[in-house]
PDB file of N, CA and C in Angstrom:
ATOM      1  N   MET A   1      19.370 -32.734 -43.350  1.00  0.00           N
ATOM      2  CA  MET A   1      20.733 -32.886 -42.891  1.00  0.00           C
ATOM      3  C   MET A   1      20.927 -34.275 -42.298  1.00  0.00           C
ATOM      4  N   THR A   2      22.107 -34.791 -42.451  1.00  0.00           N
ATOM      5  CA  THR A   2      22.416 -36.094 -41.865  1.00  0.00           C
ATOM      6  C   THR A   2      23.381 -35.900 -40.713  1.00  0.00           C
ATOM      7  N   LYS A   3      23.259 -36.778 -39.721  1.00  0.00           N
ATOM      8  CA  LYS A   3      24.150 -36.714 -38.564  1.00  0.00           C
ATOM      9  C   LYS A   3      25.484 -37.369 -38.905  1.00  0.00           C
ATOM     10  N   PRO A   4      26.562 -36.888 -38.279  1.00  0.00           N
ATOM     11  CA  PRO A   4      27.842 -37.576 -38.486  1.00  0.00           C
ATOM     12  C   PRO A   4      27.752 -39.017 -37.975  1.00  0.00           C
ATOM     13  N   LYS A   5      28.497 -39.924 -38.580  1.00  0.00           N
ATOM     14  CA  LYS A   5      28.382 -41.344 -38.260  1.00  0.00           C
ATOM     15  C   LYS A   5      29.060 -41.721 -36.943  1.00  0.00           C
ATOM     16  N   ASN A   6      30.118 -41.045 -36.553  1.00  0.00           N
ATOM     17  CA  ASN A   6      30.895 -41.460 -35.391  1.00  0.00           C
ATOM     18  C   ASN A   6      30.524 -40.707 -34.114  1.00  0.00           C
ATOM     19  N   VAL A   7      29.338 -40.177 -34.006  1.00  0.00           N
ATOM     20  CA  VAL A   7      28.935 -39.416 -32.836  1.00  0.00           C
ATOM     21  C   VAL A   7      28.086 -40.304 -31.936  1.00  0.00           C
ATOM     22  N   ARG A   8      28.476 -40.383 -30.636  1.00  0.00           N
ATOM     23  CA  ARG A   8      27.710 -41.164 -29.678  1.00  0.00           C
ATOM     24  C   ARG A   8      26.786 -40.244 -28.897  1.00  0.00           C
ATOM     25  N   PRO A   9      25.581 -40.640 -28.653  1.00  0.00           N
ATOM     26  CA  PRO A   9      24.704 -39.817 -27.817  1.00  0.00           C
ATOM     27  C   PRO A   9      25.171 -39.861 -26.365  1.00  0.00           C
ATOM     28  N   THR A  10      25.100 -38.741 -25.677  1.00  0.00           N
ATOM     29  CA  THR A  10      25.517 -38.679 -24.281  1.00  0.00           C
ATOM     30  C   THR A  10      24.294 -38.606 -23.391  1.00  0.00           C
ATOM     31  N   THR A  11      24.443 -39.126 -22.172  1.00  0.00           N
ATOM     32  CA  THR A  11      23.356 -39.060 -21.203  1.00  0.00           C
ATOM     33  C   THR A  11      23.533 -37.880 -20.263  1.00  0.00           C
ATOM     34  N   GLU A  12      24.720 -37.223 -20.306  1.00  0.00           N
ATOM     35  CA  GLU A  12      24.979 -36.076 -19.436  1.00  0.00           C
ATOM     36  C   GLU A  12      24.251 -34.843 -19.995  1.00  0.00           C
ATOM     37  N   PRO A  13      23.711 -34.016 -19.089  1.00  0.00           N
ATOM     38  CA  PRO A  13      23.069 -32.788 -19.583  1.00  0.00           C
ATOM     39  C   PRO A  13      24.118 -31.830 -20.146  1.00  0.00           C
ATOM     40  N   GLN A  14      23.744 -31.142 -21.167  1.00  0.00           N
ATOM     41  CA  GLN A  14      24.670 -30.196 -21.774  1.00  0.00           C
ATOM     42  C   GLN A  14      24.730 -28.934 -20.925  1.00  0.00           C
ATOM     43  N   THR A  15      25.921 -28.373 -20.814  1.00  0.00           N
ATOM     44  CA  THR A  15      26.094 -27.143 -20.037  1.00  0.00           C
ATOM     45  C   THR A  15      25.644 -25.956 -20.869  1.00  0.00           C
ATOM     46  N   GLU A  16      25.222 -24.900 -20.182  1.00  0.00           N
ATOM     47  CA  GLU A  16      24.772 -23.699 -20.881  1.00  0.00           C
ATOM     48  C   GLU A  16      25.956 -22.960 -21.469  1.00  0.00           C
ATOM     49  N   LYS A  17      25.709 -22.268 -22.543  1.00  0.00           N
ATOM     50  CA  LYS A  17      26.765 -21.474 -23.160  1.00  0.00           C
ATOM     51  C   LYS A  17      27.034 -20.243 -22.321  1.00  0.00           C
ATOM     52  N   LYS A  18      28.264 -19.761 -22.395  1.00  0.00           N
ATOM     53  CA  LYS A  18      28.627 -18.545 -21.677  1.00  0.00           C
ATOM     54  C   LYS A  18      27.895 -17.354 -22.285  1.00  0.00           C
ATOM     55  N   PRO A  19      27.465 -16.403 -21.470  1.00  0.00           N
ATOM     56  CA  PRO A  19      26.807 -15.217 -22.033  1.00  0.00           C
ATOM     57  C   PRO A  19      27.803 -14.378 -22.822  1.00  0.00           C
ATOM     58  N   ILE A  20      27.308 -13.719 -23.823  1.00  0.00           N
ATOM     59  CA  ILE A  20      28.151 -12.880 -24.673  1.00  0.00           C
ATOM     60  C   ILE A  20      28.151 -11.466 -24.110  1.00  0.00           C
ATOM     61  N   GLY A  21      29.317 -10.833 -24.083  1.00  0.00           N
ATOM     62  CA  GLY A  21      29.418  -9.446 -23.649  1.00  0.00           C
ATOM     63  C   GLY A  21      29.981  -9.317 -22.242  1.00  0.00           C
ATOM     64  N   ARG A  22      29.993  -8.083 -21.767  1.00  0.00           N
ATOM     65  CA  ARG A  22      30.523  -7.802 -20.438  1.00  0.00           C
ATOM     66  C   ARG A  22      29.511  -8.191 -19.373  1.00  0.00           C
ATOM     67  N   PRO A  23      29.980  -8.542 -18.192  1.00  0.00           N
ATOM     68  CA  PRO A  23      29.051  -8.802 -17.100  1.00  0.00           C
ATOM     69  C   PRO A  23      28.357  -7.516 -16.670  1.00  0.00           C
ATOM     70  N   PRO A  24      27.150  -7.604 -16.136  1.00  0.00           N
ATOM     71  CA  PRO A  24      26.455  -6.394 -15.694  1.00  0.00           C
ATOM     72  C   PRO A  24      27.245  -5.674 -14.604  1.00  0.00           C
ATOM     73  N   GLY A  25      27.309  -4.356 -14.716  1.00  0.00           N
ATOM     74  CA  GLY A  25      27.998  -3.547 -13.713  1.00  0.00           C
ATOM     75  C   GLY A  25      29.478  -3.347 -13.952  1.00  0.00           C
ATOM     76  N   SER A  26      30.052  -3.957 -14.971  1.00  0.00           N
ATOM     77  CA  SER A  26      31.473  -3.761 -15.224  1.00  0.00           C
ATOM     78  C   SER A  26      31.684  -2.413 -15.899  1.00  0.00           C
ATOM     79  N   PRO A  27      32.777  -1.716 -15.580  1.00  0.00           N
ATOM     80  CA  PRO A  27      32.980  -0.371 -16.120  1.00  0.00           C
ATOM     81  C   PRO A  27      33.441  -0.388 -17.579  1.00  0.00           C
ATOM     82  N   ASN A  28      33.195   0.718 -18.260  1.00  0.00           N
ATOM     83  CA  ASN A  28      33.649   0.900 -19.642  1.00  0.00           C
ATOM     84  C   ASN A  28      35.086   1.392 -19.705  1.00  0.00           C
ATOM     85  N   VAL A  29      35.620   1.877 -18.618  1.00  0.00           N
ATOM     86  CA  VAL A  29      36.906   2.558 -18.605  1.00  0.00           C
ATOM     87  C   VAL A  29      38.043   1.548 -18.637  1.00  0.00           C
ATOM     88  N   ARG A  30      38.973   1.740 -19.557  1.00  0.00           N
ATOM     89  CA  ARG A  30      40.160   0.896 -19.613  1.00  0.00           C
ATOM     90  C   ARG A  30      41.366   1.623 -19.029  1.00  0.00           C
ATOM     91  N   GLU A  31      41.443   2.916 -19.271  1.00  0.00           N
ATOM     92  CA  GLU A  31      42.537   3.724 -18.740  1.00  0.00           C
ATOM     93  C   GLU A  31      41.958   4.983 -18.139  1.00  0.00           C
ATOM     94  N   THR A  32      42.581   5.449 -17.092  1.00  0.00           N
ATOM     95  CA  THR A  32      42.151   6.707 -16.492  1.00  0.00           C
ATOM     96  C   THR A  32      43.291   7.707 -16.613  1.00  0.00           C
ATOM     97  N   ALA A  33      42.926   8.960 -16.726  1.00  0.00           N
ATOM     98  CA  ALA A  33      43.921  10.018 -16.837  1.00  0.00           C
ATOM     99  C   ALA A  33      43.656  11.063 -15.760  1.00  0.00           C
ATOM    100  N   VAL A  34      44.701  11.564 -15.174  1.00  0.00           N
ATOM    101  CA  VAL A  34      44.578  12.612 -14.183  1.00  0.00           C
ATOM    102  C   VAL A  34      44.946  13.923 -14.867  1.00  0.00           C
ATOM    103  N   ALA A  35      43.980  14.813 -14.988  1.00  0.00           N
ATOM    104  CA  ALA A  35      44.212  16.097 -15.635  1.00  0.00           C
ATOM    105  C   ALA A  35      44.440  17.154 -14.561  1.00  0.00           C
ATOM    106  N   VAL A  36      45.609  17.723 -14.550  1.00  0.00           N
ATOM    107  CA  VAL A  36      45.942  18.771 -13.596  1.00  0.00           C
ATOM    108  C   VAL A  36      45.798  20.107 -14.308  1.00  0.00           C
ATOM    109  N   PRO A  37      44.910  20.993 -13.845  1.00  0.00           N
ATOM    110  CA  PRO A  37      44.757  22.283 -14.520  1.00  0.00           C
ATOM    111  C   PRO A  37      46.017  23.133 -14.355  1.00  0.00           C
ATOM    112  N   SER A  38      46.322  23.908 -15.390  1.00  0.00           N
ATOM    113  CA  SER A  38      47.499  24.772 -15.314  1.00  0.00           C
ATOM    114  C   SER A  38      47.212  25.941 -14.379  1.00  0.00           C
ATOM    115  N   ARG A  39      48.261  26.431 -13.757  1.00  0.00           N
ATOM    116  CA  ARG A  39      48.132  27.534 -12.794  1.00  0.00           C
ATOM    117  C   ARG A  39      48.879  28.766 -13.294  1.00  0.00           C
ATOM    118  N   CYS A  40      48.377  29.899 -12.870  1.00  0.00           N
ATOM    119  CA  CYS A  40      49.029  31.161 -13.181  1.00  0.00           C
ATOM    120  C   CYS A  40      50.288  31.282 -12.323  1.00  0.00           C
ATOM    121  N   ASN A  41      51.385  31.723 -12.937  1.00  0.00           N
ATOM    122  CA  ASN A  41      52.629  31.897 -12.184  1.00  0.00           C
ATOM    123  C   ASN A  41      52.554  33.084 -11.238  1.00  0.00           C
ATOM    124  N   ALA A  42      51.732  34.070 -11.568  1.00  0.00           N
ATOM    125  CA  ALA A  42      51.664  35.284 -10.751  1.00  0.00           C
ATOM    126  C   ALA A  42      50.773  35.106  -9.520  1.00  0.00           C
ATOM    127  N   CYS A  43      49.531  34.597  -9.715  1.00  0.00           N
ATOM    128  CA  CYS A  43      48.593  34.524  -8.589  1.00  0.00           C
ATOM    129  C   CYS A  43      48.253  33.100  -8.163  1.00  0.00           C
ATOM    130  N   GLY A  44      48.617  32.087  -8.956  1.00  0.00           N
ATOM    131  CA  GLY A  44      48.343  30.699  -8.606  1.00  0.00           C
ATOM    132  C   GLY A  44      46.930  30.230  -8.930  1.00  0.00           C
ATOM    133  N   SER A  45      46.143  31.057  -9.604  1.00  0.00           N
ATOM    134  CA  SER A  45      44.767  30.706  -9.936  1.00  0.00           C
ATOM    135  C   SER A  45      44.729  29.719 -11.105  1.00  0.00           C
ATOM    136  N   THR A  46      43.710  28.838 -11.100  1.00  0.00           N
ATOM    137  CA  THR A  46      43.513  27.925 -12.220  1.00  0.00           C
ATOM    138  C   THR A  46      42.429  28.432 -13.168  1.00  0.00           C
ATOM    139  N   GLU A  47      41.786  29.545 -12.826  1.00  0.00           N
ATOM    140  CA  GLU A  47      40.757  30.124 -13.690  1.00  0.00           C
ATOM    141  C   GLU A  47      41.430  30.787 -14.892  1.00  0.00           C
ATOM    142  N   ARG A  48      40.817  30.636 -16.056  1.00  0.00           N
ATOM    143  CA  ARG A  48      41.398  31.217 -17.262  1.00  0.00           C
ATOM    144  C   ARG A  48      40.297  31.697 -18.186  1.00  0.00           C
ATOM    145  N   GLU A  49      40.697  32.561 -19.113  1.00  0.00           N
ATOM    146  CA  GLU A  49      39.807  33.000 -20.180  1.00  0.00           C
ATOM    147  C   GLU A  49      39.957  32.016 -21.342  1.00  0.00           C
ATOM    148  N   PRO A  50      39.162  32.168 -22.399  1.00  0.00           N
ATOM    149  CA  PRO A  50      39.300  31.244 -23.537  1.00  0.00           C
ATOM    150  C   PRO A  50      40.696  31.317 -24.165  1.00  0.00           C
ATOM    151  N   TYR A  51      41.131  30.180 -24.746  1.00  0.00           N
ATOM    152  CA  TYR A  51      42.433  30.134 -25.405  1.00  0.00           C
ATOM    153  C   TYR A  51      42.452  31.083 -26.590  1.00  0.00           C
ATOM    154  N   LEU A  52      43.612  31.736 -26.813  1.00  0.00           N
ATOM    155  CA  LEU A  52      43.753  32.711 -27.888  1.00  0.00           C
ATOM    156  C   LEU A  52      44.402  32.104 -29.134  1.00  0.00           C
ATOM    157  N   ASP A  53      45.559  31.496 -28.985  1.00  0.00           N
ATOM    158  CA  ASP A  53      46.299  30.920 -30.113  1.00  0.00           C
ATOM    159  C   ASP A  53      46.625  29.471 -29.795  1.00  0.00           C
ATOM    160  N   ARG A  54      46.909  28.724 -30.854  1.00  0.00           N
ATOM    161  CA  ARG A  54      47.319  27.325 -30.691  1.00  0.00           C
ATOM    162  C   ARG A  54      48.473  27.068 -31.632  1.00  0.00           C
ATOM    163  N   ASN A  55      49.523  26.453 -31.121  1.00  0.00           N
ATOM    164  CA  ASN A  55      50.695  26.134 -31.912  1.00  0.00           C
ATOM    165  C   ASN A  55      51.003  24.650 -31.712  1.00  0.00           C
ATOM    166  N   ASP A  56      50.870  23.852 -32.788  1.00  0.00           N
ATOM    167  CA  ASP A  56      51.148  22.420 -32.723  1.00  0.00           C
ATOM    168  C   ASP A  56      52.535  22.150 -33.288  1.00  0.00           C
ATOM    169  N   LEU A  57      53.314  21.380 -32.562  1.00  0.00           N
ATOM    170  CA  LEU A  57      54.651  21.004 -32.998  1.00  0.00           C
ATOM    171  C   LEU A  57      54.718  19.487 -33.039  1.00  0.00           C
ATOM    172  N   GLU A  58      55.016  18.939 -34.225  1.00  0.00           N
ATOM    173  CA  GLU A  58      55.133  17.490 -34.351  1.00  0.00           C
ATOM    174  C   GLU A  58      56.504  17.081 -33.834  1.00  0.00           C
ATOM    175  N   PHE A  59      56.502  16.455 -32.656  1.00  0.00           N
ATOM    176  CA  PHE A  59      57.745  16.070 -32.007  1.00  0.00           C
ATOM    177  C   PHE A  59      57.451  14.852 -31.145  1.00  0.00           C
ATOM    178  N   ALA A  60      58.038  13.714 -31.464  1.00  0.00           N
ATOM    179  CA  ALA A  60      57.767  12.480 -30.725  1.00  0.00           C
ATOM    180  C   ALA A  60      58.757  12.314 -29.586  1.00  0.00           C
ATOM    181  N   GLY A  61      58.290  11.706 -28.520  1.00  0.00           N
ATOM    182  CA  GLY A  61      59.150  11.453 -27.383  1.00  0.00           C
ATOM    183  C   GLY A  61      58.382  10.779 -26.258  1.00  0.00           C
ATOM    184  N   VAL A  62      59.009  10.754 -25.087  1.00  0.00           N
ATOM    185  CA  VAL A  62      58.400  10.172 -23.892  1.00  0.00           C
ATOM    186  C   VAL A  62      58.519  11.203 -22.779  1.00  0.00           C
ATOM    187  N   ASP A  63      57.388  11.484 -22.081  1.00  0.00           N
ATOM    188  CA  ASP A  63      57.437  12.481 -21.015  1.00  0.00           C
ATOM    189  C   ASP A  63      58.011  11.876 -19.737  1.00  0.00           C
ATOM    190  N   SER A  64      58.106  12.675 -18.689  1.00  0.00           N
ATOM    191  CA  SER A  64      58.720  12.230 -17.442  1.00  0.00           C
ATOM    192  C   SER A  64      57.913  11.132 -16.756  1.00  0.00           C
ATOM    193  N   GLY A  65      56.644  10.993 -17.087  1.00  0.00           N
ATOM    194  CA  GLY A  65      55.810   9.946 -16.510  1.00  0.00           C
ATOM    195  C   GLY A  65      55.876   8.637 -17.280  1.00  0.00           C
ATOM    196  N   GLY A  66      56.624   8.592 -18.383  1.00  0.00           N
ATOM    197  CA  GLY A  66      56.767   7.380 -19.173  1.00  0.00           C
ATOM    198  C   GLY A  66      55.740   7.237 -20.282  1.00  0.00           C
ATOM    199  N   LYS A  67      54.902   8.256 -20.492  1.00  0.00           N
ATOM    200  CA  LYS A  67      53.882   8.200 -21.546  1.00  0.00           C
ATOM    201  C   LYS A  67      54.465   8.734 -22.849  1.00  0.00           C
ATOM    202  N   ALA A  68      54.190   8.029 -23.939  1.00  0.00           N
ATOM    203  CA  ALA A  68      54.672   8.458 -25.249  1.00  0.00           C
ATOM    204  C   ALA A  68      53.792   9.576 -25.777  1.00  0.00           C
ATOM    205  N   PHE A  69      54.391  10.482 -26.543  1.00  0.00           N
ATOM    206  CA  PHE A  69      53.629  11.552 -27.190  1.00  0.00           C
ATOM    207  C   PHE A  69      54.176  11.788 -28.576  1.00  0.00           C
ATOM    208  N   THR A  70      53.307  12.331 -29.437  1.00  0.00           N
ATOM    209  CA  THR A  70      53.713  12.606 -30.811  1.00  0.00           C
ATOM    210  C   THR A  70      53.679  14.087 -31.141  1.00  0.00           C
ATOM    211  N   HIS A  71      52.974  14.896 -30.344  1.00  0.00           N
ATOM    212  CA  HIS A  71      52.844  16.325 -30.607  1.00  0.00           C
ATOM    213  C   HIS A  71      52.951  17.115 -29.307  1.00  0.00           C
ATOM    214  N   ILE A  72      53.529  18.293 -29.408  1.00  0.00           N
ATOM    215  CA  ILE A  72      53.546  19.249 -28.308  1.00  0.00           C
ATOM    216  C   ILE A  72      52.623  20.396 -28.715  1.00  0.00           C
ATOM    217  N   VAL A  73      51.659  20.721 -27.857  1.00  0.00           N
ATOM    218  CA  VAL A  73      50.681  21.760 -28.155  1.00  0.00           C
ATOM    219  C   VAL A  73      50.864  22.902 -27.164  1.00  0.00           C
ATOM    220  N   ARG A  74      51.056  24.115 -27.706  1.00  0.00           N
ATOM    221  CA  ARG A  74      51.180  25.312 -26.861  1.00  0.00           C
ATOM    222  C   ARG A  74      49.985  26.214 -27.131  1.00  0.00           C
ATOM    223  N   ARG A  75      49.315  26.648 -26.049  1.00  0.00           N
ATOM    224  CA  ARG A  75      48.143  27.527 -26.180  1.00  0.00           C
ATOM    225  C   ARG A  75      48.362  28.773 -25.323  1.00  0.00           C
ATOM    226  N   ARG A  76      48.151  29.936 -25.925  1.00  0.00           N
ATOM    227  CA  ARG A  76      48.225  31.194 -25.173  1.00  0.00           C
ATOM    228  C   ARG A  76      46.890  31.442 -24.507  1.00  0.00           C
ATOM    229  N   VAL A  77      46.940  31.905 -23.259  1.00  0.00           N
ATOM    230  CA  VAL A  77      45.709  32.142 -22.499  1.00  0.00           C
ATOM    231  C   VAL A  77      45.972  33.242 -21.475  1.00  0.00           C
ATOM    232  N   ARG A  78      44.910  33.961 -21.091  1.00  0.00           N
ATOM    233  CA  ARG A  78      45.009  35.018 -20.085  1.00  0.00           C
ATOM    234  C   ARG A  78      44.371  34.524 -18.791  1.00  0.00           C
ATOM    235  N   CYS A  79      45.015  34.773 -17.669  1.00  0.00           N
ATOM    236  CA  CYS A  79      44.494  34.396 -16.358  1.00  0.00           C
ATOM    237  C   CYS A  79      43.258  35.240 -16.061  1.00  0.00           C
ATOM    238  N   ALA A  80      42.187  34.593 -15.597  1.00  0.00           N
ATOM    239  CA  ALA A  80      40.963  35.317 -15.267  1.00  0.00           C
ATOM    240  C   ALA A  80      41.087  36.042 -13.927  1.00  0.00           C
ATOM    241  N   GLY A  81      42.024  35.613 -13.096  1.00  0.00           N
ATOM    242  CA  GLY A  81      42.191  36.237 -11.788  1.00  0.00           C
ATOM    243  C   GLY A  81      42.959  37.543 -11.832  1.00  0.00           C
ATOM    244  N   CYS A  82      44.110  37.546 -12.509  1.00  0.00           N
ATOM    245  CA  CYS A  82      44.956  38.747 -12.478  1.00  0.00           C
ATOM    246  C   CYS A  82      45.228  39.327 -13.860  1.00  0.00           C
ATOM    247  N   GLY A  83      44.852  38.637 -14.943  1.00  0.00           N
ATOM    248  CA  GLY A  83      45.068  39.166 -16.290  1.00  0.00           C
ATOM    249  C   GLY A  83      46.428  38.838 -16.876  1.00  0.00           C
ATOM    250  N   GLN A  84      47.261  38.091 -16.177  1.00  0.00           N
ATOM    251  CA  GLN A  84      48.596  37.731 -16.660  1.00  0.00           C
ATOM    252  C   GLN A  84      48.483  36.745 -17.827  1.00  0.00           C
ATOM    253  N   MET A  85      49.245  36.969 -18.900  1.00  0.00           N
ATOM    254  CA  MET A  85      49.280  36.034 -20.023  1.00  0.00           C
ATOM    255  C   MET A  85      50.191  34.868 -19.669  1.00  0.00           C
ATOM    256  N   ARG A  86      49.833  33.681 -20.143  1.00  0.00           N
ATOM    257  CA  ARG A  86      50.681  32.507 -19.948  1.00  0.00           C
ATOM    258  C   ARG A  86      50.511  31.579 -21.143  1.00  0.00           C
ATOM    259  N   ILE A  87      51.390  30.607 -21.264  1.00  0.00           N
ATOM    260  CA  ILE A  87      51.326  29.612 -22.326  1.00  0.00           C
ATOM    261  C   ILE A  87      51.171  28.247 -21.661  1.00  0.00           C
ATOM    262  N   ASP A  88      50.055  27.571 -21.963  1.00  0.00           N
ATOM    263  CA  ASP A  88      49.824  26.227 -21.456  1.00  0.00           C
ATOM    264  C   ASP A  88      50.412  25.236 -22.453  1.00  0.00           C
ATOM    265  N   VAL A  89      51.249  24.319 -21.966  1.00  0.00           N
ATOM    266  CA  VAL A  89      51.898  23.327 -22.813  1.00  0.00           C
ATOM    267  C   VAL A  89      51.336  21.953 -22.467  1.00  0.00           C
ATOM    268  N   THR A  90      50.877  21.222 -23.477  1.00  0.00           N
ATOM    269  CA  THR A  90      50.413  19.850 -23.296  1.00  0.00           C
ATOM    270  C   THR A  90      51.089  18.956 -24.318  1.00  0.00           C
ATOM    271  N   ARG A  91      51.193  17.684 -23.986  1.00  0.00           N
ATOM    272  CA  ARG A  91      51.775  16.695 -24.893  1.00  0.00           C
ATOM    273  C   ARG A  91      50.677  15.703 -25.250  1.00  0.00           C
ATOM    274  N   GLU A  92      50.483  15.469 -26.546  1.00  0.00           N
ATOM    275  CA  GLU A  92      49.401  14.611 -27.017  1.00  0.00           C
ATOM    276  C   GLU A  92      49.962  13.453 -27.822  1.00  0.00           C
ATOM    277  N   ASN A  93      49.332  12.303 -27.683  1.00  0.00           N
ATOM    278  CA  ASN A  93      49.692  11.141 -28.488  1.00  0.00           C
ATOM    279  C   ASN A  93      48.577  10.952 -29.504  1.00  0.00           C
ATOM    280  N   ARG A  94      48.805  11.425 -30.708  1.00  0.00           N
ATOM    281  CA  ARG A  94      47.791  11.371 -31.769  1.00  0.00           C
ATOM    282  C   ARG A  94      48.008  10.136 -32.618  1.00  0.00           C
ATOM    283  N   VAL A  95      46.921   9.431 -32.864  1.00  0.00           N
ATOM    284  CA  VAL A  95      46.957   8.237 -33.695  1.00  0.00           C
ATOM    285  C   VAL A  95      46.539   8.629 -35.096  1.00  0.00           C
ATOM    286  N   PRO A  96      47.306   8.256 -36.111  1.00  0.00           N
ATOM    287  CA  PRO A  96      46.905   8.616 -37.478  1.00  0.00           C
ATOM    288  C   PRO A  96      45.591   7.930 -37.833  1.00  0.00           C
ATOM    289  N   PRO A  97      44.734   8.585 -38.620  1.00  0.00           N
ATOM    290  CA  PRO A  97      43.465   7.974 -38.992  1.00  0.00           C
ATOM    291  C   PRO A  97      43.665   6.728 -39.843  1.00  0.00           C
ATOM    292  N   SER A  98      42.835   5.730 -39.596  1.00  0.00           N
ATOM    293  CA  SER A  98      42.945   4.483 -40.360  1.00  0.00           C
ATOM    294  C   SER A  98      42.237   4.647 -41.702  1.00  0.00           C
ATOM    295  N   ARG A  99      42.738   3.965 -42.680  1.00  0.00           N
ATOM    296  CA  ARG A  99      42.167   4.085 -44.027  1.00  0.00           C
ATOM    297  C   ARG A  99      41.296   2.921 -44.340  1.00  0.00           C
TER     298      ARG A  99
END
């Protein structure tokens, strides 16, 4: 290989390159979510049995917290405390798979 013709040698020491990647100890988390468990209307318990049915509804919008969603998911479940049936409703923002 030949050196370029217009390059002057420098007497200053060269600085080290920046390290690649995240600094040690930095977290992986970019966003945090607060999950509030659903409560039974009859007894106020958050304990539940396994979900029975699932109903997905494709409906886009923005919830009261300002978060966008693309689907509304309703799940039937029985309270483990008193046996009362309830429907837990969640809103999900699903990203279509990339091709």
